[in-house]
PDB file of all heavy atoms in Angstrom:
ATOM      1  N   ALA A   1     -80.657  66.043  29.006  1.00  0.00           N
ATOM      2  CA  ALA A   1     -79.661  65.807  28.014  1.00  0.00           C
ATOM      3  C   ALA A   1     -78.727  64.711  28.532  1.00  0.00           C
ATOM      4  O   ALA A   1     -78.151  64.771  29.575  1.00  0.00           O
ATOM      5  CB  ALA A   1     -78.913  67.067  27.753  1.00  0.00           C
ATOM      6  N   LEU A   2     -78.504  63.694  27.631  1.00  0.00           N
ATOM      7  CA  LEU A   2     -77.475  62.662  27.880  1.00  0.00           C
ATOM      8  C   LEU A   2     -76.214  63.175  27.299  1.00  0.00           C
ATOM      9  O   LEU A   2     -76.053  63.403  26.109  1.00  0.00           O
ATOM     10  CB  LEU A   2     -77.907  61.377  27.119  1.00  0.00           C
ATOM     11  CG  LEU A   2     -77.039  60.163  27.272  1.00  0.00           C
ATOM     12  CD1 LEU A   2     -76.795  59.773  28.710  1.00  0.00           C
ATOM     13  CD2 LEU A   2     -77.569  58.992  26.557  1.00  0.00           C
ATOM     14  N   VAL A   3     -75.181  63.418  28.138  1.00  0.00           N
ATOM     15  CA  VAL A   3     -73.970  64.100  27.783  1.00  0.00           C
ATOM     16  C   VAL A   3     -72.757  63.216  27.856  1.00  0.00           C
ATOM     17  O   VAL A   3     -72.565  62.689  28.951  1.00  0.00           O
ATOM     18  CB  VAL A   3     -73.815  65.442  28.670  1.00  0.00           C
ATOM     19  CG1 VAL A   3     -72.563  66.240  28.097  1.00  0.00           C
ATOM     20  CG2 VAL A   3     -74.977  66.276  28.663  1.00  0.00           C
ATOM     21  N   LEU A   4     -72.090  62.983  26.771  1.00  0.00           N
ATOM     22  CA  LEU A   4     -70.985  62.063  26.679  1.00  0.00           C
ATOM     23  C   LEU A   4     -69.754  62.804  26.004  1.00  0.00           C
ATOM     24  O   LEU A   4     -69.926  63.813  25.311  1.00  0.00           O
ATOM     25  CB  LEU A   4     -71.339  60.843  25.741  1.00  0.00           C
ATOM     26  CG  LEU A   4     -72.585  60.110  26.048  1.00  0.00           C
ATOM     27  CD1 LEU A   4     -72.795  59.047  24.959  1.00  0.00           C
ATOM     28  CD2 LEU A   4     -72.614  59.472  27.359  1.00  0.00           C
ATOM     29  N   SER A   5     -68.621  62.262  26.357  1.00  0.00           N
ATOM     30  CA  SER A   5     -67.343  62.793  25.680  1.00  0.00           C
ATOM     31  C   SER A   5     -66.296  61.844  25.672  1.00  0.00           C
ATOM     32  O   SER A   5     -66.272  60.809  26.477  1.00  0.00           O
ATOM     33  CB  SER A   5     -67.000  64.035  26.521  1.00  0.00           C
ATOM     34  OG  SER A   5     -65.991  64.715  25.757  1.00  0.00           O
ATOM     35  N   ASP A   6     -65.343  61.945  24.768  1.00  0.00           N
ATOM     36  CA  ASP A   6     -64.053  61.277  24.721  1.00  0.00           C
ATOM     37  C   ASP A   6     -64.224  59.763  24.783  1.00  0.00           C
ATOM     38  O   ASP A   6     -63.631  59.111  25.679  1.00  0.00           O
ATOM     39  CB  ASP A   6     -63.225  61.853  25.893  1.00  0.00           C
ATOM     40  CG  ASP A   6     -62.827  63.323  25.699  1.00  0.00           C
ATOM     41  OD1 ASP A   6     -61.904  63.525  24.905  1.00  0.00           O
ATOM     42  OD2 ASP A   6     -63.556  64.138  26.342  1.00  0.00           O
ATOM     43  N   SER A   7     -64.969  59.204  23.879  1.00  0.00           N
ATOM     44  CA  SER A   7     -65.039  57.748  23.764  1.00  0.00           C
ATOM     45  C   SER A   7     -63.943  57.123  23.061  1.00  0.00           C
ATOM     46  O   SER A   7     -63.682  55.925  23.263  1.00  0.00           O
ATOM     47  CB  SER A   7     -66.371  57.405  22.976  1.00  0.00           C
ATOM     48  OG  SER A   7     -66.430  57.999  21.740  1.00  0.00           O
ATOM     49  N   HIS A   8     -63.185  57.809  22.259  1.00  0.00           N
ATOM     50  CA  HIS A   8     -61.875  57.447  21.711  1.00  0.00           C
ATOM     51  C   HIS A   8     -61.925  56.064  21.128  1.00  0.00           C
ATOM     52  O   HIS A   8     -61.021  55.189  21.574  1.00  0.00           O
ATOM     53  CB  HIS A   8     -60.770  57.658  22.779  1.00  0.00           C
ATOM     54  CG  HIS A   8     -60.367  59.045  22.999  1.00  0.00           C
ATOM     55  ND1 HIS A   8     -59.518  59.702  22.105  1.00  0.00           N
ATOM     56  CD2 HIS A   8     -60.792  59.897  23.986  1.00  0.00           C
ATOM     57  CE1 HIS A   8     -59.376  60.966  22.588  1.00  0.00           C
ATOM     58  NE2 HIS A   8     -60.113  61.129  23.669  1.00  0.00           N
ATOM     59  N   GLY A   9     -62.745  55.708  20.166  1.00  0.00           N
ATOM     60  CA  GLY A   9     -62.781  54.519  19.521  1.00  0.00           C
ATOM     61  C   GLY A   9     -63.554  53.326  20.260  1.00  0.00           C
ATOM     62  O   GLY A   9     -63.228  52.186  19.881  1.00  0.00           O
ATOM     63  N   ASN A  10     -64.378  53.677  21.132  1.00  0.00           N
ATOM     64  CA  ASN A  10     -65.134  52.688  21.922  1.00  0.00           C
ATOM     65  C   ASN A  10     -66.613  52.843  21.650  1.00  0.00           C
ATOM     66  O   ASN A  10     -67.297  53.371  22.555  1.00  0.00           O
ATOM     67  CB  ASN A  10     -64.774  52.656  23.348  1.00  0.00           C
ATOM     68  CG  ASN A  10     -65.356  51.517  24.088  1.00  0.00           C
ATOM     69  OD1 ASN A  10     -66.319  50.850  23.617  1.00  0.00           O
ATOM     70  ND2 ASN A  10     -64.718  51.248  25.256  1.00  0.00           N
ATOM     71  N   PRO A  11     -67.210  52.553  20.414  1.00  0.00           N
ATOM     72  CA  PRO A  11     -68.560  52.704  20.240  1.00  0.00           C
ATOM     73  C   PRO A  11     -69.397  51.788  21.057  1.00  0.00           C
ATOM     74  O   PRO A  11     -70.625  52.133  21.373  1.00  0.00           O
ATOM     75  CB  PRO A  11     -68.786  52.367  18.754  1.00  0.00           C
ATOM     76  CG  PRO A  11     -67.586  51.476  18.470  1.00  0.00           C
ATOM     77  CD  PRO A  11     -66.469  51.995  19.382  1.00  0.00           C
ATOM     78  N   ARG A  12     -68.850  50.692  21.595  1.00  0.00           N
ATOM     79  CA  ARG A  12     -69.642  49.738  22.336  1.00  0.00           C
ATOM     80  C   ARG A  12     -70.089  50.377  23.734  1.00  0.00           C
ATOM     81  O   ARG A  12     -71.337  50.171  24.057  1.00  0.00           O
ATOM     82  CB  ARG A  12     -68.882  48.480  22.600  1.00  0.00           C
ATOM     83  CG  ARG A  12     -69.641  47.453  23.359  1.00  0.00           C
ATOM     84  CD  ARG A  12     -68.903  46.053  23.385  1.00  0.00           C
ATOM     85  NE  ARG A  12     -69.566  45.123  24.188  1.00  0.00           N
ATOM     86  CZ  ARG A  12     -69.202  44.789  25.521  1.00  0.00           C
ATOM     87  NH1 ARG A  12     -68.211  45.469  26.033  1.00  0.00           N
ATOM     88  NH2 ARG A  12     -69.953  44.001  26.153  1.00  0.00           N
ATOM     89  N   VAL A  13     -69.257  51.147  24.385  1.00  0.00           N
ATOM     90  CA  VAL A  13     -69.697  51.771  25.662  1.00  0.00           C
ATOM     91  C   VAL A  13     -70.706  52.832  25.380  1.00  0.00           C
ATOM     92  O   VAL A  13     -71.704  53.030  26.080  1.00  0.00           O
ATOM     93  CB  VAL A  13     -68.494  52.230  26.451  1.00  0.00           C
ATOM     94  CG1 VAL A  13     -67.807  53.423  25.789  1.00  0.00           C
ATOM     95  CG2 VAL A  13     -68.943  52.623  27.828  1.00  0.00           C
ATOM     96  N   MET A  14     -70.550  53.579  24.269  1.00  0.00           N
ATOM     97  CA  MET A  14     -71.470  54.550  23.951  1.00  0.00           C
ATOM     98  C   MET A  14     -72.911  54.020  23.629  1.00  0.00           C
ATOM     99  O   MET A  14     -73.910  54.495  24.163  1.00  0.00           O
ATOM    100  CB  MET A  14     -70.959  55.374  22.671  1.00  0.00           C
ATOM    101  CG  MET A  14     -71.934  56.453  22.186  1.00  0.00           C
ATOM    102  SD  MET A  14     -71.413  57.264  20.802  1.00  0.00           S
ATOM    103  CE  MET A  14     -70.004  58.244  21.416  1.00  0.00           C
ATOM    104  N   GLN A  15     -72.846  52.868  22.908  1.00  0.00           N
ATOM    105  CA  GLN A  15     -74.142  52.302  22.693  1.00  0.00           C
ATOM    106  C   GLN A  15     -74.843  51.622  23.812  1.00  0.00           C
ATOM    107  O   GLN A  15     -76.040  51.653  23.979  1.00  0.00           O
ATOM    108  CB  GLN A  15     -73.992  51.270  21.556  1.00  0.00           C
ATOM    109  CG  GLN A  15     -73.635  51.910  20.176  1.00  0.00           C
ATOM    110  CD  GLN A  15     -72.898  50.973  19.184  1.00  0.00           C
ATOM    111  OE1 GLN A  15     -72.834  49.795  19.342  1.00  0.00           O
ATOM    112  NE2 GLN A  15     -72.224  51.597  18.176  1.00  0.00           N
ATOM    113  N   ALA A  16     -74.010  51.175  24.790  1.00  0.00           N
ATOM    114  CA  ALA A  16     -74.513  50.681  26.035  1.00  0.00           C
ATOM    115  C   ALA A  16     -75.194  51.696  26.840  1.00  0.00           C
ATOM    116  O   ALA A  16     -76.222  51.508  27.423  1.00  0.00           O
ATOM    117  CB  ALA A  16     -73.443  49.952  26.842  1.00  0.00           C
ATOM    118  N   ILE A  17     -74.542  52.908  26.877  1.00  0.00           N
ATOM    119  CA  ILE A  17     -75.183  54.032  27.680  1.00  0.00           C
ATOM    120  C   ILE A  17     -76.491  54.506  26.983  1.00  0.00           C
ATOM    121  O   ILE A  17     -77.501  54.721  27.701  1.00  0.00           O
ATOM    122  CB  ILE A  17     -74.084  55.171  27.719  1.00  0.00           C
ATOM    123  CG1 ILE A  17     -72.961  54.772  28.494  1.00  0.00           C
ATOM    124  CG2 ILE A  17     -74.754  56.429  28.234  1.00  0.00           C
ATOM    125  CD1 ILE A  17     -71.679  55.743  28.324  1.00  0.00           C
ATOM    126  N   ILE A  18     -76.433  54.531  25.722  1.00  0.00           N
ATOM    127  CA  ILE A  18     -77.673  55.007  25.017  1.00  0.00           C
ATOM    128  C   ILE A  18     -78.776  53.957  25.147  1.00  0.00           C
ATOM    129  O   ILE A  18     -79.940  54.378  25.457  1.00  0.00           O
ATOM    130  CB  ILE A  18     -77.310  55.151  23.486  1.00  0.00           C
ATOM    131  CG1 ILE A  18     -76.376  56.399  23.290  1.00  0.00           C
ATOM    132  CG2 ILE A  18     -78.669  55.398  22.701  1.00  0.00           C
ATOM    133  CD1 ILE A  18     -75.835  56.514  21.885  1.00  0.00           C
ATOM    134  N   SER A  19     -78.502  52.724  25.171  1.00  0.00           N
ATOM    135  CA  SER A  19     -79.492  51.662  25.321  1.00  0.00           C
ATOM    136  C   SER A  19     -80.058  51.773  26.639  1.00  0.00           C
ATOM    137  O   SER A  19     -81.307  51.497  26.887  1.00  0.00           O
ATOM    138  CB  SER A  19     -78.934  50.277  25.094  1.00  0.00           C
ATOM    139  OG  SER A  19     -78.479  50.110  23.710  1.00  0.00           O
ATOM    140  N   ALA A  20     -79.296  52.082  27.747  1.00  0.00           N
ATOM    141  CA  ALA A  20     -79.765  52.184  29.179  1.00  0.00           C
ATOM    142  C   ALA A  20     -80.462  53.393  29.490  1.00  0.00           C
ATOM    143  O   ALA A  20     -81.323  53.427  30.309  1.00  0.00           O
ATOM    144  CB  ALA A  20     -78.543  51.924  30.030  1.00  0.00           C
ATOM    145  N   PHE A  21     -80.012  54.514  28.868  1.00  0.00           N
ATOM    146  CA  PHE A  21     -80.581  55.803  29.358  1.00  0.00           C
ATOM    147  C   PHE A  21     -81.203  56.743  28.321  1.00  0.00           C
ATOM    148  O   PHE A  21     -81.833  57.720  28.663  1.00  0.00           O
ATOM    149  CB  PHE A  21     -79.379  56.635  30.021  1.00  0.00           C
ATOM    150  CG  PHE A  21     -78.808  56.036  31.231  1.00  0.00           C
ATOM    151  CD1 PHE A  21     -77.792  55.148  31.179  1.00  0.00           C
ATOM    152  CD2 PHE A  21     -79.350  56.343  32.500  1.00  0.00           C
ATOM    153  CE1 PHE A  21     -77.258  54.533  32.319  1.00  0.00           C
ATOM    154  CE2 PHE A  21     -78.829  55.783  33.557  1.00  0.00           C
ATOM    155  CZ  PHE A  21     -77.765  54.839  33.572  1.00  0.00           C
ATOM    156  N   GLY A  22     -81.049  56.370  27.053  1.00  0.00           N
ATOM    157  CA  GLY A  22     -81.590  57.186  25.968  1.00  0.00           C
ATOM    158  C   GLY A  22     -83.128  57.359  25.980  1.00  0.00           C
ATOM    159  O   GLY A  22     -83.516  58.467  25.608  1.00  0.00           O
ATOM    160  N   ASP A  23     -83.851  56.423  26.430  1.00  0.00           N
ATOM    161  CA  ASP A  23     -85.244  56.448  26.439  1.00  0.00           C
ATOM    162  C   ASP A  23     -85.768  57.616  27.235  1.00  0.00           C
ATOM    163  O   ASP A  23     -86.827  58.246  26.987  1.00  0.00           O
ATOM    164  CB  ASP A  23     -85.932  55.210  26.989  1.00  0.00           C
ATOM    165  CG  ASP A  23     -85.796  53.995  26.072  1.00  0.00           C
ATOM    166  OD1 ASP A  23     -85.451  54.219  24.889  1.00  0.00           O
ATOM    167  OD2 ASP A  23     -86.082  52.907  26.464  1.00  0.00           O
ATOM    168  N   ASP A  24     -85.047  58.010  28.250  1.00  0.00           N
ATOM    169  CA  ASP A  24     -85.458  58.936  29.248  1.00  0.00           C
ATOM    170  C   ASP A  24     -84.931  60.324  28.962  1.00  0.00           C
ATOM    171  O   ASP A  24     -85.137  61.229  29.767  1.00  0.00           O
ATOM    172  CB  ASP A  24     -85.161  58.539  30.635  1.00  0.00           C
ATOM    173  CG  ASP A  24     -85.845  59.255  31.715  1.00  0.00           C
ATOM    174  OD1 ASP A  24     -87.084  59.560  31.539  1.00  0.00           O
ATOM    175  OD2 ASP A  24     -85.295  59.654  32.783  1.00  0.00           O
ATOM    176  N   CYS A  25     -84.205  60.478  27.882  1.00  0.00           N
ATOM    177  CA  CYS A  25     -83.539  61.722  27.588  1.00  0.00           C
ATOM    178  C   CYS A  25     -84.104  62.402  26.284  1.00  0.00           C
ATOM    179  O   CYS A  25     -84.509  61.688  25.314  1.00  0.00           O
ATOM    180  CB  CYS A  25     -82.056  61.579  27.427  1.00  0.00           C
ATOM    181  SG  CYS A  25     -81.283  61.123  29.012  1.00  0.00           S
ATOM    182  N   ASP A  26     -84.110  63.698  26.220  1.00  0.00           N
ATOM    183  CA  ASP A  26     -84.608  64.511  25.069  1.00  0.00           C
ATOM    184  C   ASP A  26     -83.600  64.645  24.001  1.00  0.00           C
ATOM    185  O   ASP A  26     -83.918  64.893  22.892  1.00  0.00           O
ATOM    186  CB  ASP A  26     -85.218  65.845  25.538  1.00  0.00           C
ATOM    187  CG  ASP A  26     -86.178  65.721  26.589  1.00  0.00           C
ATOM    188  OD1 ASP A  26     -87.322  65.368  26.183  1.00  0.00           O
ATOM    189  OD2 ASP A  26     -85.970  66.065  27.796  1.00  0.00           O
ATOM    190  N   CYS A  27     -82.345  64.601  24.343  1.00  0.00           N
ATOM    191  CA  CYS A  27     -81.275  64.764  23.329  1.00  0.00           C
ATOM    192  C   CYS A  27     -80.048  64.115  23.805  1.00  0.00           C
ATOM    193  O   CYS A  27     -79.806  63.898  25.042  1.00  0.00           O
ATOM    194  CB  CYS A  27     -81.090  66.246  23.054  1.00  0.00           C
ATOM    195  SG  CYS A  27     -80.577  67.279  24.559  1.00  0.00           S
ATOM    196  N   LEU A  28     -79.070  63.933  22.861  1.00  0.00           N
ATOM    197  CA  LEU A  28     -77.760  63.357  23.215  1.00  0.00           C
ATOM    198  C   LEU A  28     -76.823  64.508  22.788  1.00  0.00           C
ATOM    199  O   LEU A  28     -76.968  65.074  21.644  1.00  0.00           O
ATOM    200  CB  LEU A  28     -77.454  62.166  22.298  1.00  0.00           C
ATOM    201  CG  LEU A  28     -76.000  61.713  22.341  1.00  0.00           C
ATOM    202  CD1 LEU A  28     -75.590  61.085  23.689  1.00  0.00           C
ATOM    203  CD2 LEU A  28     -75.772  60.621  21.299  1.00  0.00           C
ATOM    204  N   CYS A  29     -75.838  64.851  23.685  1.00  0.00           N
ATOM    205  CA  CYS A  29     -74.817  65.858  23.419  1.00  0.00           C
ATOM    206  C   CYS A  29     -73.518  65.144  23.522  1.00  0.00           C
ATOM    207  O   CYS A  29     -73.157  64.605  24.577  1.00  0.00           O
ATOM    208  CB  CYS A  29     -75.018  66.994  24.402  1.00  0.00           C
ATOM    209  SG  CYS A  29     -76.491  67.925  24.301  1.00  0.00           S
ATOM    210  N   PHE A  30     -72.663  65.232  22.511  1.00  0.00           N
ATOM    211  CA  PHE A  30     -71.384  64.653  22.486  1.00  0.00           C
ATOM    212  C   PHE A  30     -70.274  65.810  22.371  1.00  0.00           C
ATOM    213  O   PHE A  30     -70.371  66.627  21.439  1.00  0.00           O
ATOM    214  CB  PHE A  30     -71.200  63.738  21.287  1.00  0.00           C
ATOM    215  CG  PHE A  30     -69.880  62.953  21.282  1.00  0.00           C
ATOM    216  CD1 PHE A  30     -69.546  62.125  22.331  1.00  0.00           C
ATOM    217  CD2 PHE A  30     -69.008  63.219  20.241  1.00  0.00           C
ATOM    218  CE1 PHE A  30     -68.359  61.419  22.290  1.00  0.00           C
ATOM    219  CE2 PHE A  30     -67.791  62.605  20.255  1.00  0.00           C
ATOM    220  CZ  PHE A  30     -67.482  61.664  21.295  1.00  0.00           C
ATOM    221  N   CYS A  31     -69.363  65.791  23.316  1.00  0.00           N
ATOM    222  CA  CYS A  31     -68.395  66.923  23.436  1.00  0.00           C
ATOM    223  C   CYS A  31     -67.067  66.555  22.749  1.00  0.00           C
ATOM    224  O   CYS A  31     -66.034  67.203  23.018  1.00  0.00           O
ATOM    225  CB  CYS A  31     -68.192  67.236  24.903  1.00  0.00           C
ATOM    226  SG  CYS A  31     -69.609  67.809  25.825  1.00  0.00           S
ATOM    227  N   GLY A  32     -67.102  65.654  21.827  1.00  0.00           N
ATOM    228  CA  GLY A  32     -65.917  65.452  20.997  1.00  0.00           C
ATOM    229  C   GLY A  32     -64.931  64.352  21.336  1.00  0.00           C
ATOM    230  O   GLY A  32     -64.986  63.819  22.464  1.00  0.00           O
ATOM    231  N   ASP A  33     -64.047  63.994  20.463  1.00  0.00           N
ATOM    232  CA  ASP A  33     -63.129  62.967  20.467  1.00  0.00           C
ATOM    233  C   ASP A  33     -63.732  61.583  20.687  1.00  0.00           C
ATOM    234  O   ASP A  33     -63.791  60.969  21.710  1.00  0.00           O
ATOM    235  CB  ASP A  33     -61.984  63.253  21.626  1.00  0.00           C
ATOM    236  CG  ASP A  33     -60.924  64.009  21.112  1.00  0.00           C
ATOM    237  OD1 ASP A  33     -60.776  64.406  20.003  1.00  0.00           O
ATOM    238  OD2 ASP A  33     -59.922  64.267  21.967  1.00  0.00           O
ATOM    239  N   GLY A  34     -64.141  61.126  19.422  1.00  0.00           N
ATOM    240  CA  GLY A  34     -64.885  59.896  19.344  1.00  0.00           C
ATOM    241  C   GLY A  34     -65.999  60.013  18.284  1.00  0.00           C
ATOM    242  O   GLY A  34     -67.034  59.292  18.375  1.00  0.00           O
ATOM    243  N   LEU A  35     -65.741  60.908  17.351  1.00  0.00           N
ATOM    244  CA  LEU A  35     -66.844  61.240  16.405  1.00  0.00           C
ATOM    245  C   LEU A  35     -67.276  60.039  15.625  1.00  0.00           C
ATOM    246  O   LEU A  35     -68.460  59.811  15.420  1.00  0.00           O
ATOM    247  CB  LEU A  35     -66.342  62.359  15.412  1.00  0.00           C
ATOM    248  CG  LEU A  35     -67.269  62.644  14.286  1.00  0.00           C
ATOM    249  CD1 LEU A  35     -68.555  63.272  14.769  1.00  0.00           C
ATOM    250  CD2 LEU A  35     -66.493  63.542  13.273  1.00  0.00           C
TER     251      LEU A  35
END
């Protein structure tokens, strides 16, 4: 599981993480604040 939290208005960093690591993960889990 790729687990992220508290991006607070920064979709760019979230998308960079997903682009780099998402291929190797079964799911994304977001723990809030940055919906």
